[in-house]
Structures are given as C-alpha cells and as structure tokens.
Amino acid sequence: MKRITSLLFLVIVMAIVAAGCSSKIQDLKLDKKHKPLPDYVLNSSEKIQETYIMAATYPEVVAQVPCYCGCVSDGHKSNLDCFVGQMGGENAVEEWDSHGIA
C-alpha cells in the first residue's frame, strides 16, 4: 500500500511539473496604439522582440527597474529608456530606442 501511495504521489508531482514546463507565456503581440517595431528589433532574436513588446505593454513595471549598464550617461533613468525612446498619450510608444538590443 505504501508503494502505491508513493507511486501515485510521484505521478501527480510529475504531472504538475510537466504542466508547468509546457505552459508558454502568452503569445505577445504589440498593441496597435504603439509605433511598429523597427527593423533592428524585427531582425533580432525572438527574446529581444518579446522584451520590446513587454516594455511597451508594461511600461510602469519596466520603468521601476534600474539600469546598471552605464546608460545613465545617455540620459536614461530606468530600464524602460533602453527600449522606449518616447511615450505618448495612453502610454503609447511613439519612438523606440535601440539600446535594448546591444
């Protein structure tokens, strides 16, 4: 009986781990209110493209992350400035920054 309980527990744990590993972050799409991604982003890796889209989608969060790469000398105040050059009304990206692909 103890062996069956242990086996059942192991199967449940494996199912939970498999479900967590197979779930993908939502398919990120750039909202139409934002300026389209520039070629230097579209020609880069999928991860970089996702990062730019996440910066546009969650600017309040990304703006709270300090940047430690020394871009403060370029006028950057947060990590958001590495991806977004200018925000307009309703937090719409009007200009992208290429620093995020460097």
C-alpha atoms as a PDB file:
ATOM      1  CA  MET A   1       0.000   0.000   0.000  1.00  0.00           C
ATOM      2  CA  LYS A   2       2.827   2.378   0.841  1.00  0.00           C
ATOM      3  CA  ARG A   3       4.391   1.662  -2.537  1.00  0.00           C
ATOM      4  CA  ILE A   4       1.151   2.536  -4.408  1.00  0.00           C
ATOM      5  CA  THR A   5       0.774   5.776  -2.449  1.00  0.00           C
ATOM      6  CA  SER A   6       4.368   6.755  -3.233  1.00  0.00           C
ATOM      7  CA  LEU A   7       3.899   5.926  -6.906  1.00  0.00           C
ATOM      8  CA  LEU A   8       0.656   7.921  -7.060  1.00  0.00           C
ATOM      9  CA  PHE A   9       2.352  10.890  -5.383  1.00  0.00           C
ATOM     10  CA  LEU A  10       5.248  10.703  -7.859  1.00  0.00           C
ATOM     11  CA  VAL A  11       2.854  10.630 -10.841  1.00  0.00           C
ATOM     12  CA  ILE A  12       0.980  13.677  -9.522  1.00  0.00           C
ATOM     13  CA  VAL A  13       4.213  15.609  -8.978  1.00  0.00           C
ATOM     14  CA  MET A  14       5.434  14.710 -12.476  1.00  0.00           C
ATOM     15  CA  ALA A  15       2.108  15.833 -13.990  1.00  0.00           C
ATOM     16  CA  ILE A  16       2.335  19.193 -12.203  1.00  0.00           C
ATOM     17  CA  VAL A  17       5.938  19.720 -13.327  1.00  0.00           C
ATOM     18  CA  ALA A  18       5.097  18.745 -16.920  1.00  0.00           C
ATOM     19  CA  ALA A  19       2.148  21.138 -16.974  1.00  0.00           C
ATOM     20  CA  GLY A  20       4.327  23.963 -15.674  1.00  0.00           C
ATOM     21  CA  CYS A  21       7.113  23.288 -18.146  1.00  0.00           C
ATOM     22  CA  SER A  22       4.852  23.046 -21.151  1.00  0.00           C
ATOM     23  CA  SER A  23       2.920  26.219 -20.480  1.00  0.00           C
ATOM     24  CA  LYS A  24       4.212  29.086 -22.558  1.00  0.00           C
ATOM     25  CA  ILE A  25       3.977  32.747 -21.691  1.00  0.00           C
ATOM     26  CA  GLN A  26       1.067  34.207 -23.578  1.00  0.00           C
ATOM     27  CA  ASP A  27       1.716  34.960 -27.221  1.00  0.00           C
ATOM     28  CA  LEU A  28       2.837  38.539 -27.001  1.00  0.00           C
ATOM     29  CA  LYS A  29       1.555  40.905 -29.632  1.00  0.00           C
ATOM     30  CA  LEU A  30       2.230  44.590 -29.933  1.00  0.00           C
ATOM     31  CA  ASP A  31      -0.874  46.703 -29.388  1.00  0.00           C
ATOM     32  CA  LYS A  32      -1.838  48.792 -32.434  1.00  0.00           C
ATOM     33  CA  LYS A  33      -1.555  52.014 -30.409  1.00  0.00           C
ATOM     34  CA  HIS A  34       2.242  51.627 -30.442  1.00  0.00           C
ATOM     35  CA  LYS A  35       4.550  52.513 -33.287  1.00  0.00           C
ATOM     36  CA  PRO A  36       5.530  49.274 -35.104  1.00  0.00           C
ATOM     37  CA  LEU A  37       8.756  47.605 -34.034  1.00  0.00           C
ATOM     38  CA  PRO A  38      11.730  48.839 -36.071  1.00  0.00           C
ATOM     39  CA  ASP A  39      13.747  46.568 -38.359  1.00  0.00           C
ATOM     40  CA  TYR A  40      16.649  46.313 -35.900  1.00  0.00           C
ATOM     41  CA  VAL A  41      14.245  44.642 -33.455  1.00  0.00           C
ATOM     42  CA  LEU A  42      12.429  42.528 -36.050  1.00  0.00           C
ATOM     43  CA  ASN A  43      15.785  41.257 -37.353  1.00  0.00           C
ATOM     44  CA  SER A  44      16.920  40.206 -33.865  1.00  0.00           C
ATOM     45  CA  SER A  45      16.067  37.180 -31.741  1.00  0.00           C
ATOM     46  CA  GLU A  46      12.564  36.298 -30.593  1.00  0.00           C
ATOM     47  CA  LYS A  47      13.564  37.027 -26.986  1.00  0.00           C
ATOM     48  CA  ILE A  48      14.586  40.576 -27.852  1.00  0.00           C
ATOM     49  CA  GLN A  49      11.344  41.115 -29.753  1.00  0.00           C
ATOM     50  CA  GLU A  50       9.358  39.809 -26.757  1.00  0.00           C
ATOM     51  CA  THR A  51      11.307  42.122 -24.447  1.00  0.00           C
ATOM     52  CA  TYR A  52      10.477  45.177 -26.545  1.00  0.00           C
ATOM     53  CA  ILE A  53       6.805  44.179 -26.628  1.00  0.00           C
ATOM     54  CA  MET A  54       6.811  43.620 -22.858  1.00  0.00           C
ATOM     55  CA  ALA A  55       8.387  47.043 -22.321  1.00  0.00           C
ATOM     56  CA  ALA A  56       5.578  48.607 -24.366  1.00  0.00           C
ATOM     57  CA  THR A  57       2.885  46.529 -22.665  1.00  0.00           C
ATOM     58  CA  TYR A  58       4.088  47.023 -19.075  1.00  0.00           C
ATOM     59  CA  PRO A  59       5.920  50.383 -19.066  1.00  0.00           C
ATOM     60  CA  GLU A  60       5.119  51.106 -15.396  1.00  0.00           C
ATOM     61  CA  VAL A  61       6.863  47.899 -14.337  1.00  0.00           C
ATOM     62  CA  VAL A  62       9.900  48.237 -16.603  1.00  0.00           C
ATOM     63  CA  ALA A  63      10.311  51.891 -15.551  1.00  0.00           C
ATOM     64  CA  GLN A  64      10.837  50.747 -11.950  1.00  0.00           C
ATOM     65  CA  VAL A  65      13.818  48.575 -12.895  1.00  0.00           C
ATOM     66  CA  PRO A  66      17.081  50.495 -12.659  1.00  0.00           C
ATOM     67  CA  CYS A  67      19.626  50.063 -15.414  1.00  0.00           C
ATOM     68  CA  TYR A  68      23.189  49.203 -14.450  1.00  0.00           C
ATOM     69  CA  CYS A  69      24.904  49.196 -17.838  1.00  0.00           C
ATOM     70  CA  GLY A  70      26.069  52.796 -17.642  1.00  0.00           C
ATOM     71  CA  CYS A  71      23.465  54.256 -19.967  1.00  0.00           C
ATOM     72  CA  VAL A  72      22.662  56.910 -17.352  1.00  0.00           C
ATOM     73  CA  SER A  73      25.251  58.992 -19.188  1.00  0.00           C
ATOM     74  CA  ASP A  74      22.952  58.752 -22.234  1.00  0.00           C
ATOM     75  CA  GLY A  75      20.119  60.271 -20.185  1.00  0.00           C
ATOM     76  CA  HIS A  76      18.422  57.000 -19.288  1.00  0.00           C
ATOM     77  CA  LYS A  77      16.635  56.979 -15.950  1.00  0.00           C
ATOM     78  CA  SER A  78      15.399  53.362 -15.940  1.00  0.00           C
ATOM     79  CA  ASN A  79      15.376  50.154 -17.947  1.00  0.00           C
ATOM     80  CA  LEU A  80      12.373  51.426 -19.914  1.00  0.00           C
ATOM     81  CA  ASP A  81      14.591  54.051 -21.527  1.00  0.00           C
ATOM     82  CA  CYS A  82      16.708  51.275 -23.056  1.00  0.00           C
ATOM     83  CA  PHE A  83      13.715  50.129 -25.122  1.00  0.00           C
ATOM     84  CA  VAL A  84      11.395  53.122 -25.471  1.00  0.00           C
ATOM     85  CA  GLY A  85      12.605  56.487 -26.704  1.00  0.00           C
ATOM     86  CA  GLN A  86       9.347  58.387 -26.270  1.00  0.00           C
ATOM     87  CA  MET A  87       5.895  57.625 -24.869  1.00  0.00           C
ATOM     88  CA  GLY A  88       2.762  59.494 -25.860  1.00  0.00           C
ATOM     89  CA  GLY A  89      -0.757  59.562 -24.534  1.00  0.00           C
ATOM     90  CA  GLU A  90      -2.206  56.351 -23.088  1.00  0.00           C
ATOM     91  CA  ASN A  91       1.386  55.064 -22.739  1.00  0.00           C
ATOM     92  CA  ALA A  92       1.661  54.561 -26.487  1.00  0.00           C
ATOM     93  CA  VAL A  93       5.209  54.111 -27.779  1.00  0.00           C
ATOM     94  CA  GLU A  94       5.962  56.890 -30.253  1.00  0.00           C
ATOM     95  CA  GLU A  95       9.680  56.179 -30.598  1.00  0.00           C
ATOM     96  CA  TRP A  96      11.811  53.098 -29.896  1.00  0.00           C
ATOM     97  CA  ASP A  97      15.372  53.060 -28.557  1.00  0.00           C
ATOM     98  CA  SER A  98      17.983  50.691 -29.984  1.00  0.00           C
ATOM     99  CA  HIS A  99      19.909  50.380 -26.720  1.00  0.00           C
ATOM    100  CA  GLY A 100      17.897  47.278 -25.739  1.00  0.00           C
ATOM    101  CA  ILE A 101      19.468  45.139 -28.459  1.00  0.00           C
ATOM    102  CA  ALA A 102      23.046  45.993 -27.555  1.00  0.00           C
END
